[in-house]
């Protein structure tokens, strides 16, 4: 877990660098909140899709004795949405750090 967290921190740092190269620091806490909330909503959508793909699709496929191909398709959906959720979490973390950096910039 520690190794994974280090890798995630590196991903967050890269995402922050990418975002900072593309957009300036936030001009206000309101802007920071809006961007953070938007990224959070996208992440939650992906999280919800993981649940749907797991509980509604994969579990029903198991109970219905569906084919291996059908189950693999549902599991591929779980994987895709989980990866998108993880990427979204990195974006949320990066935008939180950007908000901190923006506030610190204002105090100088």
N, C-alpha and C. Protein backbone atom coordinates (compact mmCIF):
# COMPACT_ATOMS: atom_id res chain seq x y z
N UNK A 1 0.82 -1.19 0.00
CA UNK A 1 0.00 0.00 0.00
C UNK A 1 0.87 1.26 0.00
N UNK A 2 1.97 1.23 0.76
CA UNK A 2 2.84 2.41 0.81
C UNK A 2 3.42 2.73 -0.57
N UNK A 3 3.81 1.68 -1.29
CA UNK A 3 4.38 1.87 -2.62
C UNK A 3 3.33 2.45 -3.57
N UNK A 4 2.13 1.94 -3.49
CA UNK A 4 1.04 2.45 -4.32
C UNK A 4 0.75 3.91 -4.01
N UNK A 5 0.74 4.26 -2.73
CA UNK A 5 0.50 5.66 -2.36
C UNK A 5 1.59 6.58 -2.89
N UNK A 6 2.83 6.11 -2.89
CA UNK A 6 3.92 6.91 -3.47
C UNK A 6 3.68 7.13 -4.96
N UNK A 7 3.26 6.08 -5.65
CA UNK A 7 2.98 6.19 -7.08
C UNK A 7 1.79 7.13 -7.33
N UNK A 8 0.79 7.06 -6.47
CA UNK A 8 -0.36 7.95 -6.60
C UNK A 8 0.06 9.39 -6.37
N UNK A 9 0.90 9.63 -5.36
CA UNK A 9 1.40 10.98 -5.10
C UNK A 9 2.16 11.52 -6.31
N UNK A 10 2.90 10.65 -6.97
CA UNK A 10 3.61 11.05 -8.18
C UNK A 10 2.62 11.41 -9.29
N UNK A 11 1.57 10.62 -9.44
CA UNK A 11 0.53 10.92 -10.43
C UNK A 11 -0.15 12.25 -10.13
N UNK A 12 -0.41 12.51 -8.85
CA UNK A 12 -1.03 13.77 -8.46
C UNK A 12 -0.10 14.93 -8.80
N UNK A 13 1.17 14.77 -8.52
CA UNK A 13 2.15 15.83 -8.85
C UNK A 13 2.20 16.09 -10.35
N UNK A 14 2.17 15.02 -11.14
CA UNK A 14 2.19 15.18 -12.60
C UNK A 14 0.91 15.87 -13.08
N UNK A 15 -0.21 15.50 -12.51
CA UNK A 15 -1.48 16.12 -12.89
C UNK A 15 -1.49 17.60 -12.52
N UNK A 16 -0.93 17.93 -11.37
CA UNK A 16 -0.84 19.33 -10.96
C UNK A 16 0.05 20.12 -11.92
N UNK A 17 1.17 19.54 -12.29
CA UNK A 17 2.07 20.19 -13.25
C UNK A 17 1.36 20.43 -14.58
N UNK A 18 0.64 19.42 -15.04
CA UNK A 18 -0.08 19.53 -16.31
C UNK A 18 -1.14 20.63 -16.23
N UNK A 19 -1.89 20.63 -15.13
CA UNK A 19 -2.94 21.63 -14.96
C UNK A 19 -2.36 23.04 -14.85
N UNK A 20 -1.25 23.16 -14.12
CA UNK A 20 -0.63 24.48 -13.97
C UNK A 20 -0.04 24.99 -15.28
N UNK A 21 0.42 24.09 -16.13
CA UNK A 21 0.95 24.50 -17.43
C UNK A 21 -0.18 24.98 -18.35
N UNK A 22 -1.36 24.45 -18.12
CA UNK A 22 -2.49 24.77 -18.98
C UNK A 22 -3.31 25.96 -18.45
N UNK A 23 -3.42 26.08 -17.14
CA UNK A 23 -4.27 27.10 -16.53
C UNK A 23 -3.52 27.78 -15.38
N UNK A 24 -3.78 29.08 -15.17
CA UNK A 24 -3.12 29.77 -14.05
C UNK A 24 -3.67 29.30 -12.71
N UNK A 25 -3.04 29.77 -11.64
CA UNK A 25 -3.57 29.50 -10.31
C UNK A 25 -4.99 30.06 -10.21
N UNK A 26 -5.74 29.57 -9.26
CA UNK A 26 -7.12 30.04 -9.09
C UNK A 26 -7.12 31.50 -8.65
N UNK A 27 -8.09 32.23 -9.16
CA UNK A 27 -8.21 33.65 -8.83
C UNK A 27 -8.95 33.89 -7.52
N UNK A 28 -9.70 32.89 -7.08
CA UNK A 28 -10.47 33.03 -5.84
C UNK A 28 -10.79 31.65 -5.28
N UNK A 29 -11.23 31.63 -4.04
CA UNK A 29 -11.68 30.38 -3.44
C UNK A 29 -12.93 29.87 -4.14
N UNK A 30 -13.74 30.79 -4.67
CA UNK A 30 -14.95 30.39 -5.40
C UNK A 30 -14.58 29.60 -6.66
N UNK A 31 -13.59 30.09 -7.39
CA UNK A 31 -13.13 29.38 -8.59
C UNK A 31 -12.54 28.03 -8.20
N UNK A 32 -11.76 27.99 -7.16
CA UNK A 32 -11.16 26.73 -6.71
C UNK A 32 -12.25 25.73 -6.34
N UNK A 33 -13.25 26.21 -5.63
CA UNK A 33 -14.36 25.33 -5.24
C UNK A 33 -15.08 24.79 -6.46
N UNK A 34 -15.35 25.64 -7.44
CA UNK A 34 -16.05 25.21 -8.64
C UNK A 34 -15.29 24.14 -9.41
N UNK A 35 -14.00 24.35 -9.57
CA UNK A 35 -13.18 23.36 -10.30
C UNK A 35 -13.09 22.07 -9.50
N UNK A 36 -12.86 22.18 -8.19
CA UNK A 36 -12.76 21.00 -7.33
C UNK A 36 -14.07 20.22 -7.36
N UNK A 37 -15.18 20.92 -7.27
CA UNK A 37 -16.50 20.27 -7.27
C UNK A 37 -16.76 19.57 -8.61
N UNK A 38 -16.37 20.20 -9.70
CA UNK A 38 -16.55 19.58 -11.02
C UNK A 38 -15.76 18.27 -11.11
N UNK A 39 -14.52 18.29 -10.67
CA UNK A 39 -13.71 17.07 -10.72
C UNK A 39 -14.27 16.00 -9.79
N UNK A 40 -14.77 16.42 -8.64
CA UNK A 40 -15.36 15.48 -7.69
C UNK A 40 -16.61 14.83 -8.28
N UNK A 41 -17.42 15.61 -8.97
CA UNK A 41 -18.64 15.06 -9.58
C UNK A 41 -18.29 14.03 -10.65
N UNK A 42 -17.25 14.30 -11.44
CA UNK A 42 -16.83 13.34 -12.47
C UNK A 42 -16.32 12.05 -11.82
N UNK A 43 -15.57 12.20 -10.73
CA UNK A 43 -15.06 11.03 -10.02
C UNK A 43 -16.20 10.21 -9.44
N UNK A 44 -17.18 10.88 -8.85
CA UNK A 44 -18.32 10.17 -8.25
C UNK A 44 -19.15 9.45 -9.31
N UNK A 45 -19.26 10.05 -10.49
CA UNK A 45 -19.96 9.38 -11.58
C UNK A 45 -19.28 8.05 -11.90
N UNK A 46 -17.97 8.08 -12.01
CA UNK A 46 -17.22 6.85 -12.31
C UNK A 46 -17.36 5.84 -11.19
N UNK A 47 -17.33 6.32 -9.94
CA UNK A 47 -17.52 5.43 -8.80
C UNK A 47 -18.89 4.76 -8.87
N UNK A 48 -19.90 5.53 -9.21
CA UNK A 48 -21.25 5.00 -9.34
C UNK A 48 -21.31 3.94 -10.45
N UNK A 49 -20.61 4.20 -11.53
CA UNK A 49 -20.59 3.23 -12.63
C UNK A 49 -19.87 1.94 -12.23
N UNK A 50 -18.87 2.04 -11.36
CA UNK A 50 -18.22 0.83 -10.83
C UNK A 50 -19.24 0.00 -10.07
N UNK A 51 -20.03 0.66 -9.23
CA UNK A 51 -21.05 -0.06 -8.46
C UNK A 51 -22.09 -0.69 -9.36
N UNK A 52 -22.56 0.05 -10.34
CA UNK A 52 -23.57 -0.48 -11.26
C UNK A 52 -23.00 -1.67 -12.03
N UNK A 53 -21.79 -1.52 -12.54
CA UNK A 53 -21.18 -2.60 -13.32
C UNK A 53 -20.95 -3.84 -12.46
N UNK A 54 -20.64 -3.62 -11.19
CA UNK A 54 -20.38 -4.75 -10.29
C UNK A 54 -21.68 -5.37 -9.79
N UNK A 55 -22.53 -4.55 -9.19
CA UNK A 55 -23.74 -5.07 -8.52
C UNK A 55 -24.86 -5.43 -9.49
N UNK A 56 -25.13 -4.57 -10.43
CA UNK A 56 -26.26 -4.82 -11.32
C UNK A 56 -25.91 -5.74 -12.48
N UNK A 57 -24.73 -5.54 -13.05
CA UNK A 57 -24.40 -6.30 -14.25
C UNK A 57 -23.64 -7.59 -13.93
N UNK A 58 -22.49 -7.48 -13.30
CA UNK A 58 -21.68 -8.67 -13.04
C UNK A 58 -22.39 -9.65 -12.10
N UNK A 59 -22.95 -9.14 -11.01
CA UNK A 59 -23.62 -10.02 -10.06
C UNK A 59 -24.82 -10.70 -10.70
N UNK A 60 -25.58 -9.96 -11.49
CA UNK A 60 -26.72 -10.58 -12.18
C UNK A 60 -26.25 -11.61 -13.20
N UNK A 61 -25.11 -11.35 -13.84
CA UNK A 61 -24.55 -12.33 -14.78
C UNK A 61 -24.16 -13.61 -14.06
N UNK A 62 -23.60 -13.48 -12.86
CA UNK A 62 -23.24 -14.66 -12.07
C UNK A 62 -24.50 -15.45 -11.71
N UNK A 63 -25.49 -14.74 -11.19
CA UNK A 63 -26.72 -15.41 -10.76
C UNK A 63 -27.47 -16.05 -11.92
N UNK A 64 -27.33 -15.48 -13.11
CA UNK A 64 -28.03 -16.00 -14.28
C UNK A 64 -27.21 -17.02 -15.07
N UNK A 65 -26.02 -17.33 -14.55
CA UNK A 65 -25.12 -18.26 -15.25
C UNK A 65 -24.85 -17.83 -16.69
N UNK A 66 -24.59 -16.54 -16.87
CA UNK A 66 -24.28 -16.03 -18.21
C UNK A 66 -22.93 -16.55 -18.67
N UNK A 67 -22.67 -16.36 -19.93
CA UNK A 67 -21.43 -16.85 -20.52
C UNK A 67 -20.21 -16.13 -19.94
N UNK A 68 -19.08 -16.78 -20.10
CA UNK A 68 -17.79 -16.18 -19.68
C UNK A 68 -17.57 -14.87 -20.40
N UNK A 69 -17.91 -14.81 -21.68
CA UNK A 69 -17.72 -13.58 -22.47
C UNK A 69 -18.55 -12.43 -21.89
N UNK A 70 -19.78 -12.71 -21.50
CA UNK A 70 -20.63 -11.67 -20.92
C UNK A 70 -20.03 -11.18 -19.61
N UNK A 71 -19.59 -12.10 -18.78
CA UNK A 71 -19.00 -11.72 -17.49
C UNK A 71 -17.72 -10.93 -17.70
N UNK A 72 -16.90 -11.33 -18.67
CA UNK A 72 -15.66 -10.58 -18.95
C UNK A 72 -15.98 -9.16 -19.40
N UNK A 73 -17.05 -9.02 -20.17
CA UNK A 73 -17.46 -7.68 -20.60
C UNK A 73 -17.83 -6.80 -19.42
N UNK A 74 -18.59 -7.36 -18.48
CA UNK A 74 -18.97 -6.59 -17.30
C UNK A 74 -17.75 -6.27 -16.44
N UNK A 75 -16.85 -7.23 -16.30
CA UNK A 75 -15.63 -6.98 -15.53
C UNK A 75 -14.73 -5.95 -16.21
N UNK A 76 -14.72 -5.94 -17.53
CA UNK A 76 -13.97 -4.90 -18.26
C UNK A 76 -14.56 -3.53 -17.97
N UNK A 77 -15.90 -3.46 -17.87
CA UNK A 77 -16.54 -2.20 -17.51
C UNK A 77 -16.15 -1.76 -16.10
N UNK A 78 -16.13 -2.72 -15.17
CA UNK A 78 -15.70 -2.41 -13.80
C UNK A 78 -14.29 -1.84 -13.82
N UNK A 79 -13.40 -2.51 -14.54
CA UNK A 79 -12.00 -2.07 -14.61
C UNK A 79 -11.89 -0.67 -15.21
N UNK A 80 -12.56 -0.44 -16.33
CA UNK A 80 -12.50 0.86 -17.01
C UNK A 80 -13.00 1.98 -16.10
N UNK A 81 -14.14 1.76 -15.46
CA UNK A 81 -14.70 2.81 -14.60
C UNK A 81 -13.87 3.00 -13.33
N UNK A 82 -13.28 1.92 -12.81
CA UNK A 82 -12.42 2.04 -11.63
C UNK A 82 -11.16 2.84 -11.97
N UNK A 83 -10.60 2.58 -13.15
CA UNK A 83 -9.43 3.35 -13.57
C UNK A 83 -9.79 4.82 -13.78
N UNK A 84 -10.94 5.08 -14.38
CA UNK A 84 -11.40 6.47 -14.54
C UNK A 84 -11.64 7.14 -13.18
N UNK A 85 -12.16 6.37 -12.23
CA UNK A 85 -12.38 6.90 -10.88
C UNK A 85 -11.05 7.23 -10.22
N UNK A 86 -10.06 6.35 -10.39
CA UNK A 86 -8.73 6.61 -9.82
C UNK A 86 -8.11 7.85 -10.44
N UNK A 87 -8.25 8.00 -11.75
CA UNK A 87 -7.74 9.20 -12.43
C UNK A 87 -8.47 10.43 -11.92
N UNK A 88 -9.76 10.32 -11.72
CA UNK A 88 -10.54 11.43 -11.18
C UNK A 88 -10.10 11.80 -9.77
N UNK A 89 -9.78 10.79 -8.97
CA UNK A 89 -9.30 11.06 -7.61
C UNK A 89 -7.98 11.80 -7.66
N UNK A 90 -7.12 11.45 -8.61
CA UNK A 90 -5.85 12.19 -8.78
C UNK A 90 -6.12 13.63 -9.15
N UNK A 91 -7.11 13.84 -10.01
CA UNK A 91 -7.45 15.21 -10.39
C UNK A 91 -8.01 16.00 -9.20
N UNK A 92 -8.84 15.37 -8.40
CA UNK A 92 -9.37 16.04 -7.21
C UNK A 92 -8.22 16.41 -6.27
N UNK A 93 -7.31 15.48 -6.04
CA UNK A 93 -6.16 15.76 -5.16
C UNK A 93 -5.30 16.88 -5.72
N UNK A 94 -5.08 16.86 -7.04
CA UNK A 94 -4.27 17.91 -7.66
C UNK A 94 -4.94 19.27 -7.54
N UNK A 95 -6.25 19.31 -7.73
CA UNK A 95 -6.96 20.59 -7.64
C UNK A 95 -7.02 21.09 -6.19
N UNK A 96 -7.05 20.19 -5.24
CA UNK A 96 -6.98 20.60 -3.84
C UNK A 96 -5.62 21.25 -3.56
N UNK A 97 -4.56 20.63 -4.08
CA UNK A 97 -3.22 21.22 -3.91
C UNK A 97 -3.13 22.55 -4.64
N UNK A 98 -3.73 22.64 -5.82
CA UNK A 98 -3.70 23.90 -6.57
C UNK A 98 -4.43 24.99 -5.79
N UNK A 99 -5.51 24.64 -5.12
CA UNK A 99 -6.24 25.61 -4.29
C UNK A 99 -5.36 26.09 -3.14
N UNK A 100 -4.64 25.17 -2.52
CA UNK A 100 -3.71 25.54 -1.45
C UNK A 100 -2.62 26.46 -1.99
N UNK A 101 -2.05 26.07 -3.14
CA UNK A 101 -1.00 26.89 -3.75
C UNK A 101 -1.53 28.28 -4.11
N UNK A 102 -2.76 28.34 -4.57
CA UNK A 102 -3.37 29.63 -4.94
C UNK A 102 -3.54 30.52 -3.72
N UNK A 103 -4.00 29.93 -2.63
CA UNK A 103 -4.17 30.71 -1.39
C UNK A 103 -2.82 31.20 -0.87
N UNK A 104 -1.82 30.33 -0.93
CA UNK A 104 -0.48 30.73 -0.47
C UNK A 104 0.11 31.83 -1.34
N UNK A 105 -0.19 31.81 -2.63
CA UNK A 105 0.28 32.84 -3.55
C UNK A 105 -0.34 34.20 -3.20
N UNK A 106 -1.60 34.18 -2.80
CA UNK A 106 -2.30 35.42 -2.44
C UNK A 106 -1.68 36.06 -1.20
N UNK A 107 -1.18 35.24 -0.28
CA UNK A 107 -0.66 35.76 0.98
C UNK A 107 0.72 36.39 0.82
N UNK A 108 1.36 36.22 -0.30
CA UNK A 108 2.70 36.76 -0.49
C UNK A 108 2.68 38.22 -0.83
